[in-house]
Each structure stands twice: as structure tokens, then as C-alpha cells.
Amino acid sequence: MSGPPKTPLLAVDGFLRDGAGRLLLIQRKNPPFQGAWAFPGGFVDVGEDPVDACVRELKEETGLDVEVLRLAGFYGRPGRDPRFHTASAVYFCRVLSGEALGGDDAAQARWFAPEELADAPLAFDHREIIDELLSHVRGGS
């Protein structure tokens, strides 16, 4: 064998809702999908636990301290990121403290009511993920 296998890059995203059922998204500051809305999140560093990476990325991008509750889903379809093959663990999280503000590579952070998402430009495959996860939340699963 001539080195480690080539595998997708691992990313994490946070699925956060407030008491009114709104979903927190960040507006991307950089390409790809600059200006579009996405889950707060990012890449897992080598040697980092994905749950810890999720907490770190959400703090960097939103200013919020969060608790990861559980895995919401795992997504890795080739082509979902135009730069390279990525696989993302999306976690249900809850806010412990802080006020949502854009930071790091997020131009801003904003809470969206589900009905506001219909016209919002969303990055990557996040529209499909949101639709899937909201249907599970509504269905109680």
C-alpha cells in the first residue's frame, strides 16, 4: 500500500432551533456559495472528535456556546460540494449561551422561520437536509 486511502473530507454542521421553531443559518462570506445561507459548521481537524469540532465551529461562526444533543444525519453524496468530495455529520444542538452573530467565515447569522426558507438561497445540499430533518422533527422521530 502506498499511503492512506483517499477518502472524503469530514465536515460537521449544527442544526439549531429556538423556542419559536426558527432555524439558525449563517450567510457564507466566501466561495463556494458566497452569500447563500447554510448550516453553521465546517471541517473536522485531524485528531479532533467530530462532536468537539461541531461545538468549535458553531462558536467560531455564530458566537454561540452549544451542546450537541445527537446525530441528526450523515450526508456524503459526491458532488454536494463543488470543491471536493465531503461527508458531513449534522448534529441536533441546543444553545447554552450567547447571541447569534456572524463570525469567522460567516457574514452573518440569522434565525429563519421555516416558511422563510422557501425563498432563501441555500448552499450545498442544505435545502434537502433541512426538509428531511424538519419532516422528522414534525413527525416526532
Protein backbone atom coordinates (compact mmCIF):
# COMPACT_ATOMS: atom_id res chain seq x y z
CA MET A 1 0.00 0.00 0.00
CA SER A 2 1.37 3.42 -0.92
CA GLY A 3 -0.12 5.55 1.84
CA PRO A 4 -3.53 6.12 3.34
CA PRO A 5 -6.63 5.65 1.21
CA LYS A 6 -8.19 8.69 -0.45
CA THR A 7 -11.41 9.45 1.39
CA PRO A 8 -13.92 12.32 1.54
CA LEU A 9 -13.15 15.25 3.82
CA LEU A 10 -15.17 15.15 7.04
CA ALA A 11 -17.31 18.15 7.98
CA VAL A 12 -19.82 18.86 10.74
CA ASP A 13 -22.90 21.07 10.81
CA GLY A 14 -25.20 22.19 13.60
CA PHE A 15 -29.00 22.06 13.40
CA LEU A 16 -30.26 24.61 15.94
CA ARG A 17 -33.84 25.70 16.56
CA ASP A 18 -35.07 28.28 19.02
CA GLY A 19 -38.20 28.19 21.18
CA ALA A 20 -40.27 29.62 18.31
CA GLY A 21 -39.15 26.82 15.96
CA ARG A 22 -36.84 29.04 13.93
CA LEU A 23 -33.68 27.53 12.43
CA LEU A 24 -30.26 29.18 12.71
CA LEU A 25 -28.32 29.60 9.47
CA ILE A 26 -25.21 31.55 8.55
CA GLN A 27 -24.64 33.56 5.40
CA ARG A 28 -21.47 32.37 3.69
CA LYS A 29 -18.77 35.02 3.41
CA ASN A 30 -16.59 33.04 0.98
CA PRO A 31 -16.96 30.82 -2.09
CA PRO A 32 -18.40 28.43 -2.85
CA PHE A 33 -21.95 29.69 -2.48
CA GLN A 34 -20.82 33.11 -1.25
CA GLY A 35 -23.86 35.00 0.03
CA ALA A 36 -26.03 31.89 0.31
CA TRP A 37 -27.32 30.53 3.61
CA ALA A 38 -26.05 27.34 5.22
CA PHE A 39 -25.86 25.45 8.46
CA PRO A 40 -23.12 26.75 10.72
CA GLY A 41 -20.28 24.26 10.62
CA GLY A 42 -17.01 23.34 9.00
CA PHE A 43 -14.26 20.79 8.69
CA VAL A 44 -13.06 18.44 11.41
CA ASP A 45 -9.37 18.91 12.22
CA VAL A 46 -7.05 15.89 12.26
CA GLY A 47 -7.13 14.42 15.77
CA GLU A 48 -10.40 16.20 16.66
CA ASP A 49 -13.60 14.47 17.72
CA PRO A 50 -16.45 15.45 15.35
CA VAL A 51 -18.67 16.48 18.28
CA ASP A 52 -15.93 18.79 19.56
CA ALA A 53 -15.48 20.14 16.02
CA CYS A 54 -19.19 20.96 15.86
CA VAL A 55 -19.06 22.88 19.16
CA ARG A 56 -15.92 24.73 17.98
CA GLU A 57 -17.27 25.59 14.53
CA LEU A 58 -20.57 26.88 15.88
CA LYS A 59 -18.74 29.09 18.37
CA GLU A 60 -16.47 30.44 15.61
CA GLU A 61 -19.27 31.10 13.12
CA THR A 62 -22.11 32.22 15.40
CA GLY A 63 -20.61 33.21 18.76
CA LEU A 64 -22.89 30.70 20.47
CA ASP A 65 -21.92 28.14 23.06
CA VAL A 66 -23.83 24.98 22.17
CA GLU A 67 -24.36 21.47 23.38
CA VAL A 68 -24.51 18.66 20.84
CA LEU A 69 -27.57 16.53 21.58
CA ARG A 70 -27.32 13.75 19.00
CA LEU A 71 -26.54 12.93 15.40
CA ALA A 72 -29.31 14.16 13.10
CA GLY A 73 -27.98 12.64 9.88
CA PHE A 74 -24.94 11.91 7.76
CA TYR A 75 -24.62 13.15 4.19
CA GLY A 76 -21.90 12.33 1.69
CA ARG A 77 -23.29 12.32 -1.84
CA PRO A 78 -20.46 13.06 -4.30
CA GLY A 79 -20.90 16.49 -5.89
CA ARG A 80 -22.61 18.11 -2.90
CA ASP A 81 -19.57 20.39 -2.53
CA PRO A 82 -18.18 21.71 -5.83
CA ARG A 83 -14.64 21.90 -4.42
CA PHE A 84 -14.14 18.26 -3.46
CA HIS A 85 -15.93 15.23 -2.03
CA THR A 86 -17.12 15.93 1.52
CA ALA A 87 -19.13 13.95 4.02
CA SER A 88 -20.99 15.86 6.75
CA ALA A 89 -22.30 14.80 10.12
CA VAL A 90 -25.24 17.05 11.01
CA TYR A 91 -25.97 17.27 14.73
CA PHE A 92 -29.03 18.43 16.63
CA CYS A 93 -27.70 21.07 19.03
CA ARG A 94 -29.07 23.42 21.65
CA VAL A 95 -27.87 26.87 22.61
CA LEU A 96 -26.30 27.14 26.06
CA SER A 97 -25.41 30.83 25.90
CA GLY A 98 -24.59 33.73 23.63
CA GLU A 99 -26.19 35.81 20.94
CA ALA A 100 -26.11 34.66 17.32
CA LEU A 101 -23.72 36.88 15.35
CA GLY A 102 -21.74 36.11 12.22
CA GLY A 103 -18.04 35.43 12.72
CA ASP A 104 -15.07 33.68 11.12
CA ASP A 105 -16.19 32.87 7.56
CA ALA A 106 -19.87 33.70 8.24
CA ALA A 107 -21.01 37.14 7.07
CA GLN A 108 -23.97 36.94 9.46
CA ALA A 109 -26.08 34.53 11.47
CA ARG A 110 -29.87 34.66 11.32
CA TRP A 111 -32.84 32.76 12.72
CA PHE A 112 -35.30 31.72 9.98
CA ALA A 113 -38.91 30.68 10.41
CA PRO A 114 -39.47 27.54 8.30
CA GLU A 115 -41.73 29.41 5.88
CA GLU A 116 -38.98 31.99 5.22
CA LEU A 117 -36.69 29.29 3.86
CA ALA A 118 -38.72 28.75 0.69
CA ASP A 119 -37.19 31.81 -0.98
CA ALA A 120 -33.80 31.80 0.76
CA PRO A 121 -30.79 30.84 -1.40
CA LEU A 122 -29.28 27.83 0.36
CA ALA A 123 -25.79 26.40 -0.10
CA PHE A 124 -24.67 22.87 -0.87
CA ASP A 125 -27.47 20.30 -0.30
CA HIS A 126 -28.76 22.09 2.78
CA ARG A 127 -32.29 22.62 1.43
CA GLU A 128 -32.78 18.86 1.11
CA ILE A 129 -31.25 18.26 4.54
CA ILE A 130 -33.46 20.92 6.17
CA ASP A 131 -36.57 19.49 4.51
CA GLU A 132 -35.67 15.99 5.69
CA LEU A 133 -34.82 17.00 9.26
CA LEU A 134 -37.83 19.29 9.68
CA SER A 135 -40.12 16.49 8.49
CA HIS A 136 -38.59 14.18 11.15
CA VAL A 137 -38.99 16.87 13.83
CA ARG A 138 -42.63 17.46 12.86
CA GLY A 139 -43.27 13.73 12.73
CA GLY A 140 -41.76 13.18 16.16
CA SER A 141 -38.97 10.87 15.01
